[in-house]
Amino acid sequence: LQKAWKNLWRWSQYAIAASATVPAGAGHCIEPL
């Protein structure tokens, strides 16, 4: 449950950064394998 909330927070922060900046400047909240 804690992990789910943490992932949701990371994703929401990324969403804000991605919509407010140039996409490449938002970074990633997780990298694929």
Full PDB file with SEQRES, HELIX, SHEET, SSBOND, CRYST1, ORIGX, SCALE, CONECT and MASTER records, all heavy atoms in Angstrom:
SEQRES   1 A   33  LEU GLN LYS ALA TRP LYS ASN LEU TRP ARG TRP SER GLN          
SEQRES   2 A   33  TYR ALA ILE ALA ALA SER ALA THR VAL PRO ALA GLY ALA          
SEQRES   3 A   33  GLY HIS CYS ILE GLU PRO LEU                                  
HELIX    1 AA1 GLN A    2  ALA A   20  1                                  19    
HELIX    2 AA2 PRO A   23  ALA A   26  5                                   4    
CRYST1    1.000    1.000    1.000  90.00  90.00  90.00 P 1           1          
ORIGX1      1.000000  0.000000  0.000000        0.00000                         
ORIGX2      0.000000  1.000000  0.000000        0.00000                         
ORIGX3      0.000000  0.000000  1.000000        0.00000                         
SCALE1      1.000000  0.000000  0.000000        0.00000                         
SCALE2      0.000000  1.000000  0.000000        0.00000                         
SCALE3      0.000000  0.000000  1.000000        0.00000                         
ATOM      1  N   LEU A   1       0.843  -1.208   0.000  1.00  0.00           N  
ATOM      2  CA  LEU A   1       0.000   0.000   0.000  1.00  0.00           C  
ATOM      3  C   LEU A   1       0.874   1.253   0.000  1.00  0.00           C  
ATOM      4  O   LEU A   1       0.612   2.206  -0.749  1.00  0.00           O  
ATOM      5  CB  LEU A   1      -0.923  -0.013   1.222  1.00  0.00           C  
ATOM      6  CG  LEU A   1      -1.918   1.150   1.329  1.00  0.00           C  
ATOM      7  CD1 LEU A   1      -2.863   1.165   0.121  1.00  0.00           C  
ATOM      8  CD2 LEU A   1      -2.712   1.056   2.627  1.00  0.00           C  
ATOM      9  N   GLN A   2       1.912   1.209   0.806  1.00  0.00           N  
ATOM     10  CA  GLN A   2       2.836   2.343   0.841  1.00  0.00           C  
ATOM     11  C   GLN A   2       3.517   2.523  -0.516  1.00  0.00           C  
ATOM     12  O   GLN A   2       3.687   3.654  -0.990  1.00  0.00           O  
ATOM     13  CB  GLN A   2       3.866   2.116   1.944  1.00  0.00           C  
ATOM     14  CG  GLN A   2       4.842   3.275   2.122  1.00  0.00           C  
ATOM     15  CD  GLN A   2       5.869   2.990   3.212  1.00  0.00           C  
ATOM     16  OE1 GLN A   2       6.162   1.830   3.503  1.00  0.00           O  
ATOM     17  NE2 GLN A   2       6.428   4.031   3.792  1.00  0.00           N  
ATOM     18  N   LYS A   3       3.887   1.401  -1.140  1.00  0.00           N  
ATOM     19  CA  LYS A   3       4.528   1.459  -2.452  1.00  0.00           C  
ATOM     20  C   LYS A   3       3.581   2.044  -3.496  1.00  0.00           C  
ATOM     21  O   LYS A   3       4.001   2.821  -4.366  1.00  0.00           O  
ATOM     22  CB  LYS A   3       4.955   0.041  -2.870  1.00  0.00           C  
ATOM     23  CG  LYS A   3       5.651  -0.051  -4.213  1.00  0.00           C  
ATOM     24  CD  LYS A   3       7.016   0.589  -4.191  1.00  0.00           C  
ATOM     25  CE  LYS A   3       7.764   0.328  -5.483  1.00  0.00           C  
ATOM     26  NZ  LYS A   3       9.070   1.025  -5.513  1.00  0.00           N  
ATOM     27  N   ALA A   4       2.297   1.670  -3.408  1.00  0.00           N  
ATOM     28  CA  ALA A   4       1.322   2.192  -4.363  1.00  0.00           C  
ATOM     29  C   ALA A   4       1.190   3.714  -4.233  1.00  0.00           C  
ATOM     30  O   ALA A   4       1.166   4.431  -5.241  1.00  0.00           O  
ATOM     31  CB  ALA A   4      -0.024   1.513  -4.145  1.00  0.00           C  
ATOM     32  N   TRP A   5       1.101   4.217  -2.989  1.00  0.00           N  
ATOM     33  CA  TRP A   5       0.994   5.658  -2.780  1.00  0.00           C  
ATOM     34  C   TRP A   5       2.270   6.367  -3.241  1.00  0.00           C  
ATOM     35  O   TRP A   5       2.216   7.455  -3.834  1.00  0.00           O  
ATOM     36  CB  TRP A   5       0.730   5.972  -1.303  1.00  0.00           C  
ATOM     37  CG  TRP A   5      -0.701   5.807  -0.921  1.00  0.00           C  
ATOM     38  CD1 TRP A   5      -1.248   4.850  -0.142  1.00  0.00           C  
ATOM     39  CD2 TRP A   5      -1.783   6.650  -1.335  1.00  0.00           C  
ATOM     40  NE1 TRP A   5      -2.604   5.018  -0.032  1.00  0.00           N  
ATOM     41  CE2 TRP A   5      -2.964   6.122  -0.759  1.00  0.00           C  
ATOM     42  CE3 TRP A   5      -1.888   7.784  -2.147  1.00  0.00           C  
ATOM     43  CZ2 TRP A   5      -4.204   6.700  -0.956  1.00  0.00           C  
ATOM     44  CZ3 TRP A   5      -3.128   8.355  -2.337  1.00  0.00           C  
ATOM     45  CH2 TRP A   5      -4.271   7.824  -1.749  1.00  0.00           C  
ATOM     46  N   LYS A   6       3.408   5.744  -2.991  1.00  0.00           N  
ATOM     47  CA  LYS A   6       4.677   6.338  -3.407  1.00  0.00           C  
ATOM     48  C   LYS A   6       4.756   6.432  -4.927  1.00  0.00           C  
ATOM     49  O   LYS A   6       5.180   7.468  -5.473  1.00  0.00           O  
ATOM     50  CB  LYS A   6       5.838   5.501  -2.857  1.00  0.00           C  
ATOM     51  CG  LYS A   6       7.213   6.080  -3.175  1.00  0.00           C  
ATOM     52  CD  LYS A   6       8.323   5.223  -2.563  1.00  0.00           C  
ATOM     53  CE  LYS A   6       9.693   5.789  -2.895  1.00  0.00           C  
ATOM     54  NZ  LYS A   6      10.784   4.951  -2.303  1.00  0.00           N  
ATOM     55  N   ASN A   7       4.347   5.349  -5.614  1.00  0.00           N  
ATOM     56  CA  ASN A   7       4.357   5.367  -7.079  1.00  0.00           C  
ATOM     57  C   ASN A   7       3.388   6.397  -7.633  1.00  0.00           C  
ATOM     58  O   ASN A   7       3.668   7.081  -8.628  1.00  0.00           O  
ATOM     59  CB  ASN A   7       4.010   3.982  -7.634  1.00  0.00           C  
ATOM     60  CG  ASN A   7       5.178   3.018  -7.554  1.00  0.00           C  
ATOM     61  OD1 ASN A   7       6.274   3.399  -7.155  1.00  0.00           O  
ATOM     62  ND2 ASN A   7       4.941   1.774  -7.913  1.00  0.00           N  
ATOM     63  N   LEU A   8       2.213   6.514  -7.005  1.00  0.00           N  
ATOM     64  CA  LEU A   8       1.233   7.512  -7.444  1.00  0.00           C  
ATOM     65  C   LEU A   8       1.789   8.926  -7.273  1.00  0.00           C  
ATOM     66  O   LEU A   8       1.606   9.789  -8.150  1.00  0.00           O  
ATOM     67  CB  LEU A   8      -0.065   7.353  -6.659  1.00  0.00           C  
ATOM     68  CG  LEU A   8      -1.194   8.335  -7.010  1.00  0.00           C  
ATOM     69  CD1 LEU A   8      -1.582   8.185  -8.486  1.00  0.00           C  
ATOM     70  CD2 LEU A   8      -2.404   8.116  -6.111  1.00  0.00           C  
ATOM     71  N   TRP A   9       2.483   9.169  -6.165  1.00  0.00           N  
ATOM     72  CA  TRP A   9       3.085  10.487  -5.929  1.00  0.00           C  
ATOM     73  C   TRP A   9       4.172  10.771  -6.973  1.00  0.00           C  
ATOM     74  O   TRP A   9       4.223  11.864  -7.534  1.00  0.00           O  
ATOM     75  CB  TRP A   9       3.663  10.537  -4.515  1.00  0.00           C  
ATOM     76  CG  TRP A   9       4.464  11.783  -4.239  1.00  0.00           C  
ATOM     77  CD1 TRP A   9       5.823  11.907  -4.177  1.00  0.00           C  
ATOM     78  CD2 TRP A   9       3.944  13.095  -3.997  1.00  0.00           C  
ATOM     79  NE1 TRP A   9       6.192  13.193  -3.923  1.00  0.00           N  
ATOM     80  CE2 TRP A   9       5.045  13.955  -3.800  1.00  0.00           C  
ATOM     81  CE3 TRP A   9       2.659  13.626  -3.928  1.00  0.00           C  
ATOM     82  CZ2 TRP A   9       4.907  15.301  -3.534  1.00  0.00           C  
ATOM     83  CZ3 TRP A   9       2.518  14.983  -3.665  1.00  0.00           C  
ATOM     84  CH2 TRP A   9       3.621  15.809  -3.472  1.00  0.00           C  
ATOM     85  N   ARG A  10       5.014   9.775  -7.242  1.00  0.00           N  
ATOM     86  CA  ARG A  10       6.069   9.964  -8.232  1.00  0.00           C  
ATOM     87  C   ARG A  10       5.472  10.247  -9.609  1.00  0.00           C  
ATOM     88  O   ARG A  10       5.958  11.127 -10.336  1.00  0.00           O  
ATOM     89  CB  ARG A  10       6.949   8.699  -8.305  1.00  0.00           C  
ATOM     90  CG  ARG A  10       7.823   8.487  -7.096  1.00  0.00           C  
ATOM     91  CD  ARG A  10       8.434   7.078  -7.103  1.00  0.00           C  
ATOM     92  NE  ARG A  10       9.290   6.850  -8.261  1.00  0.00           N  
ATOM     93  CZ  ARG A  10       9.771   5.651  -8.584  1.00  0.00           C  
ATOM     94  NH1 ARG A  10       9.462   4.593  -7.862  1.00  0.00           N  
ATOM     95  NH2 ARG A  10      10.556   5.528  -9.641  1.00  0.00           N  
ATOM     96  N   TRP A  11       4.429   9.536  -9.945  1.00  0.00           N  
ATOM     97  CA  TRP A  11       3.817   9.715 -11.259  1.00  0.00           C  
ATOM     98  C   TRP A  11       3.153  11.086 -11.363  1.00  0.00           C  
ATOM     99  O   TRP A  11       3.244  11.748 -12.412  1.00  0.00           O  
ATOM    100  CB  TRP A  11       2.782   8.611 -11.510  1.00  0.00           C  
ATOM    101  CG  TRP A  11       2.205   8.652 -12.895  1.00  0.00           C  
ATOM    102  CD1 TRP A  11       2.770   8.230 -14.050  1.00  0.00           C  
ATOM    103  CD2 TRP A  11       0.914   9.171 -13.252  1.00  0.00           C  
ATOM    104  NE1 TRP A  11       1.933   8.436 -15.110  1.00  0.00           N  
ATOM    105  CE2 TRP A  11       0.777   9.023 -14.649  1.00  0.00           C  
ATOM    106  CE3 TRP A  11      -0.132   9.744 -12.522  1.00  0.00           C  
ATOM    107  CZ2 TRP A  11      -0.354   9.418 -15.324  1.00  0.00           C  
ATOM    108  CZ3 TRP A  11      -1.273  10.144 -13.200  1.00  0.00           C  
ATOM    109  CH2 TRP A  11      -1.374   9.968 -14.596  1.00  0.00           C  
ATOM    110  N   SER A  12       2.494  11.531 -10.288  1.00  0.00           N  
ATOM    111  CA  SER A  12       1.829  12.841 -10.324  1.00  0.00           C  
ATOM    112  C   SER A  12       2.849  13.968 -10.418  1.00  0.00           C  
ATOM    113  O   SER A  12       2.633  14.958 -11.134  1.00  0.00           O  
ATOM    114  CB  SER A  12       0.944  13.019  -9.089  1.00  0.00           C  
ATOM    115  OG  SER A  12       1.714  12.983  -7.898  1.00  0.00           O  
ATOM    116  N   GLN A  13       3.973  13.827  -9.714  1.00  0.00           N  
ATOM    117  CA  GLN A  13       5.026  14.834  -9.809  1.00  0.00           C  
ATOM    118  C   GLN A  13       5.615  14.883 -11.210  1.00  0.00           C  
ATOM    119  O   GLN A  13       5.905  15.951 -11.743  1.00  0.00           O  
ATOM    120  CB  GLN A  13       6.138  14.542  -8.786  1.00  0.00           C  
ATOM    121  CG  GLN A  13       5.709  14.708  -7.341  1.00  0.00           C  
ATOM    122  CD  GLN A  13       5.327  16.159  -7.042  1.00  0.00           C  
ATOM    123  OE1 GLN A  13       4.135  16.473  -6.881  1.00  0.00           O  
ATOM    124  NE2 GLN A  13       6.306  17.037  -6.991  1.00  0.00           N  
ATOM    125  N   TYR A  14       5.774  13.724 -11.805  1.00  0.00           N  
ATOM    126  CA  TYR A  14       6.270  13.655 -13.176  1.00  0.00           C  
ATOM    127  C   TYR A  14       5.277  14.295 -14.139  1.00  0.00           C  
ATOM    128  O   TYR A  14       5.669  15.007 -15.072  1.00  0.00           O  
ATOM    129  CB  TYR A  14       6.520  12.195 -13.560  1.00  0.00           C  
ATOM    130  CG  TYR A  14       6.902  12.012 -15.009  1.00  0.00           C  
ATOM    131  CD1 TYR A  14       8.195  12.267 -15.453  1.00  0.00           C  
ATOM    132  CD2 TYR A  14       5.953  11.605 -15.950  1.00  0.00           C  
ATOM    133  CE1 TYR A  14       8.552  12.117 -16.788  1.00  0.00           C  
ATOM    134  CE2 TYR A  14       6.297  11.445 -17.289  1.00  0.00           C  
ATOM    135  CZ  TYR A  14       7.595  11.705 -17.694  1.00  0.00           C  
ATOM    136  OH  TYR A  14       7.933  11.566 -19.018  1.00  0.00           O  
ATOM    137  N   ALA A  15       3.978  14.034 -13.914  1.00  0.00           N  
ATOM    138  CA  ALA A  15       2.942  14.600 -14.777  1.00  0.00           C  
ATOM    139  C   ALA A  15       2.982  16.125 -14.743  1.00  0.00           C  
ATOM    140  O   ALA A  15       2.862  16.786 -15.784  1.00  0.00           O  
ATOM    141  CB  ALA A  15       1.574  14.091 -14.363  1.00  0.00           C  
ATOM    142  N   ILE A  16       3.176  16.686 -13.557  1.00  0.00           N  
ATOM    143  CA  ILE A  16       3.242  18.147 -13.429  1.00  0.00           C  
ATOM    144  C   ILE A  16       4.473  18.685 -14.156  1.00  0.00           C  
ATOM    145  O   ILE A  16       4.400  19.648 -14.923  1.00  0.00           O  
ATOM    146  CB  ILE A  16       3.271  18.540 -11.937  1.00  0.00           C  
ATOM    147  CG1 ILE A  16       1.945  18.186 -11.266  1.00  0.00           C  
ATOM    148  CG2 ILE A  16       3.573  20.038 -11.785  1.00  0.00           C  
ATOM    149  CD1 ILE A  16       1.962  18.349  -9.758  1.00  0.00           C  
ATOM    150  N   ALA A  17       5.604  18.049 -13.941  1.00  0.00           N  
ATOM    151  CA  ALA A  17       6.847  18.506 -14.578  1.00  0.00           C  
ATOM    152  C   ALA A  17       6.775  18.366 -16.090  1.00  0.00           C  
ATOM    153  O   ALA A  17       7.235  19.242 -16.831  1.00  0.00           O  
ATOM    154  CB  ALA A  17       8.031  17.715 -14.021  1.00  0.00           C  
ATOM    155  N   ALA A  18       6.189  17.241 -16.563  1.00  0.00           N  
ATOM    156  CA  ALA A  18       6.126  16.992 -17.996  1.00  0.00           C  
ATOM    157  C   ALA A  18       5.206  17.967 -18.702  1.00  0.00           C  
ATOM    158  O   ALA A  18       5.436  18.321 -19.869  1.00  0.00           O  
ATOM    159  CB  ALA A  18       5.661  15.563 -18.254  1.00  0.00           C  
ATOM    160  N   SER A  19       4.150  18.407 -18.043  1.00  0.00           N  
ATOM    161  CA  SER A  19       3.211  19.331 -18.683  1.00  0.00           C  
ATOM    162  C   SER A  19       3.664  20.780 -18.589  1.00  0.00           C  
ATOM    163  O   SER A  19       3.206  21.619 -19.357  1.00  0.00           O  
ATOM    164  CB  SER A  19       1.820  19.196 -18.032  1.00  0.00           C  
ATOM    165  OG  SER A  19       1.902  19.494 -16.640  1.00  0.00           O  
ATOM    166  N   ALA A  20       4.625  21.042 -17.667  1.00  0.00           N  
ATOM    167  CA  ALA A  20       5.050  22.423 -17.460  1.00  0.00           C  
ATOM    168  C   ALA A  20       6.355  22.750 -18.152  1.00  0.00           C  
ATOM    169  O   ALA A  20       6.742  23.908 -18.238  1.00  0.00           O  
ATOM    170  CB  ALA A  20       5.190  22.711 -15.959  1.00  0.00           C  
ATOM    171  N   THR A  21       7.058  21.747 -18.647  1.00  0.00           N  
ATOM    172  CA  THR A  21       8.366  21.977 -19.252  1.00  0.00           C  
ATOM    173  C   THR A  21       8.439  21.290 -20.598  1.00  0.00           C  
ATOM    174  O   THR A  21       7.542  20.569 -21.019  1.00  0.00           O  
ATOM    175  CB  THR A  21       9.492  21.421 -18.349  1.00  0.00           C  
ATOM    176  OG1 THR A  21       9.341  20.002 -18.262  1.00  0.00           O  
ATOM    177  CG2 THR A  21       9.434  22.025 -16.948  1.00  0.00           C  
ATOM    178  N   VAL A  22       9.571  21.508 -21.264  1.00  0.00           N  
ATOM    179  CA  VAL A  22       9.869  20.740 -22.471  1.00  0.00           C  
ATOM    180  C   VAL A  22       9.935  19.270 -22.073  1.00  0.00           C  
ATOM    181  O   VAL A  22      10.547  18.930 -21.060  1.00  0.00           O  
ATOM    182  CB  VAL A  22      11.209  21.190 -23.085  1.00  0.00           C  
ATOM    183  CG1 VAL A  22      11.548  20.349 -24.310  1.00  0.00           C  
ATOM    184  CG2 VAL A  22      11.134  22.672 -23.438  1.00  0.00           C  
ATOM    185  N   PRO A  23       9.280  18.370 -22.801  1.00  0.00           N  
ATOM    186  CA  PRO A  23       9.219  16.970 -22.390  1.00  0.00           C  
ATOM    187  C   PRO A  23      10.554  16.377 -21.981  1.00  0.00           C  
ATOM    188  O   PRO A  23      10.651  15.674 -20.989  1.00  0.00           O  
ATOM    189  CB  PRO A  23       8.658  16.259 -23.635  1.00  0.00           C  
ATOM    190  CG  PRO A  23       7.847  17.307 -24.319  1.00  0.00           C  
ATOM    191  CD  PRO A  23       8.545  18.599 -24.054  1.00  0.00           C  
ATOM    192  N   ALA A  24      11.617  16.671 -22.751  1.00  0.00           N  
ATOM    193  CA  ALA A  24      12.917  16.083 -22.434  1.00  0.00           C  
ATOM    194  C   ALA A  24      13.452  16.582 -21.101  1.00  0.00           C  
ATOM    195  O   ALA A  24      14.300  15.952 -20.492  1.00  0.00           O  
ATOM    196  CB  ALA A  24      13.913  16.368 -23.551  1.00  0.00           C  
ATOM    197  N   GLY A  25      12.947  17.746 -20.637  1.00  0.00           N  
ATOM    198  CA  GLY A  25      13.447  18.293 -19.380  1.00  0.00           C  
ATOM    199  C   GLY A  25      12.772  17.728 -18.163  1.00  0.00           C  
ATOM    200  O   GLY A  25      13.169  18.033 -17.039  1.00  0.00           O  
ATOM    201  N   ALA A  26      11.747  16.893 -18.327  1.00  0.00           N  
ATOM    202  CA  ALA A  26      11.007  16.366 -17.188  1.00  0.00           C  
ATOM    203  C   ALA A  26      11.701  15.176 -16.555  1.00  0.00           C  
ATOM    204  O   ALA A  26      11.404  14.819 -15.435  1.00  0.00           O  
ATOM    205  CB  ALA A  26       9.596  15.970 -17.632  1.00  0.00           C  
ATOM    206  N   GLY A  27      12.638  14.579 -17.252  1.00  0.00           N  
ATOM    207  CA  GLY A  27      13.260  13.378 -16.727  1.00  0.00           C  
ATOM    208  C   GLY A  27      12.260  12.236 -16.696  1.00  0.00           C  
ATOM    209  O   GLY A  27      11.170  12.309 -17.264  1.00  0.00           O  
ATOM    210  N   HIS A  28      12.625  11.152 -16.021  1.00  0.00           N  
ATOM    211  CA  HIS A  28      11.751  10.005 -15.873  1.00  0.00           C  
ATOM    212  C   HIS A  28      11.605   9.667 -14.397  1.00  0.00           C  
ATOM    213  O   HIS A  28      12.553   9.820 -13.626  1.00  0.00           O  
ATOM    214  CB  HIS A  28      12.310   8.786 -16.602  1.00  0.00           C  
ATOM    215  CG  HIS A  28      12.231   8.898 -18.096  1.00  0.00           C  
ATOM    216  ND1 HIS A  28      13.075   8.212 -18.949  1.00  0.00           N  
ATOM    217  CD2 HIS A  28      11.407   9.626 -18.897  1.00  0.00           C  
ATOM    218  CE1 HIS A  28      12.774   8.506 -20.208  1.00  0.00           C  
ATOM    219  NE2 HIS A  28      11.769   9.373 -20.199  1.00  0.00           N  
ATOM    220  N   CYS A  29      10.440   9.165 -14.013  1.00  0.00           N  
ATOM    221  CA  CYS A  29      10.290   8.693 -12.639  1.00  0.00           C  
ATOM    222  C   CYS A  29      10.638   7.214 -12.521  1.00  0.00           C  
ATOM    223  O   CYS A  29      10.797   6.704 -11.414  1.00  0.00           O  
ATOM    224  CB  CYS A  29       8.886   8.961 -12.106  1.00  0.00           C  
ATOM    225  SG  CYS A  29       7.546   8.297 -13.109  1.00  0.00           S  
ATOM    226  N   ILE A  30      10.766   6.521 -13.655  1.00  0.00           N  
ATOM    227  CA  ILE A  30      11.189   5.128 -13.661  1.00  0.00           C  
ATOM    228  C   ILE A  30      11.763   4.806 -15.031  1.00  0.00           C  
ATOM    229  O   ILE A  30      11.296   5.325 -16.047  1.00  0.00           O  
ATOM    230  CB  ILE A  30      10.015   4.177 -13.330  1.00  0.00           C  
ATOM    231  CG1 ILE A  30      10.509   2.726 -13.236  1.00  0.00           C  
ATOM    232  CG2 ILE A  30       8.889   4.306 -14.344  1.00  0.00           C  
ATOM    233  CD1 ILE A  30       9.450   1.745 -12.757  1.00  0.00           C  
ATOM    234  N   GLU A  31      12.796   3.988 -15.047  1.00  0.00           N  
ATOM    235  CA  GLU A  31      13.416   3.583 -16.301  1.00  0.00           C  
ATOM    236  C   GLU A  31      13.046   2.130 -16.606  1.00  0.00           C  
ATOM    237  O   GLU A  31      12.972   1.300 -15.696  1.00  0.00           O  
ATOM    238  CB  GLU A  31      14.941   3.712 -16.233  1.00  0.00           C  
ATOM    239  CG  GLU A  31      15.442   5.126 -16.061  1.00  0.00           C  
ATOM    240  CD  GLU A  31      15.156   6.007 -17.272  1.00  0.00           C  
ATOM    241  OE1 GLU A  31      14.965   5.453 -18.378  1.00  0.00           O  
ATOM    242  OE2 GLU A  31      15.136   7.240 -17.108  1.00  0.00           O  
ATOM    243  N   PRO A  32      12.783   1.821 -17.872  1.00  0.00           N  
ATOM    244  CA  PRO A  32      12.496   0.418 -18.217  1.00  0.00           C  
ATOM    245  C   PRO A  32      13.724  -0.454 -18.025  1.00  0.00           C  
ATOM    246  O   PRO A  32      14.849   0.036 -17.964  1.00  0.00           O  
ATOM    247  CB  PRO A  32      12.074   0.486 -19.686  1.00  0.00           C  
ATOM    248  CG  PRO A  32      12.709   1.725 -20.204  1.00  0.00           C  
ATOM    249  CD  PRO A  32      12.750   2.694 -19.056  1.00  0.00           C  
ATOM    250  N   LEU A  33      13.496  -1.759 -17.934  1.00  0.00           N  
ATOM    251  CA  LEU A  33      14.614  -2.693 -17.850  1.00  0.00           C  
ATOM    252  C   LEU A  33      15.437  -2.639 -19.133  1.00  0.00           C  
ATOM    253  O   LEU A  33      14.910  -2.274 -20.197  1.00  0.00           O  
ATOM    254  CB  LEU A  33      14.088  -4.114 -17.630  1.00  0.00           C  
ATOM    255  CG  LEU A  33      13.345  -4.353 -16.305  1.00  0.00           C  
ATOM    256  CD1 LEU A  33      12.724  -5.746 -16.304  1.00  0.00           C  
ATOM    257  CD2 LEU A  33      14.282  -4.178 -15.123  1.00  0.00           C  
TER     258      LEU A  33                                                      
MASTER        0    0    0    2    0    0    0    6  257    1    0    3          
END                                                                             
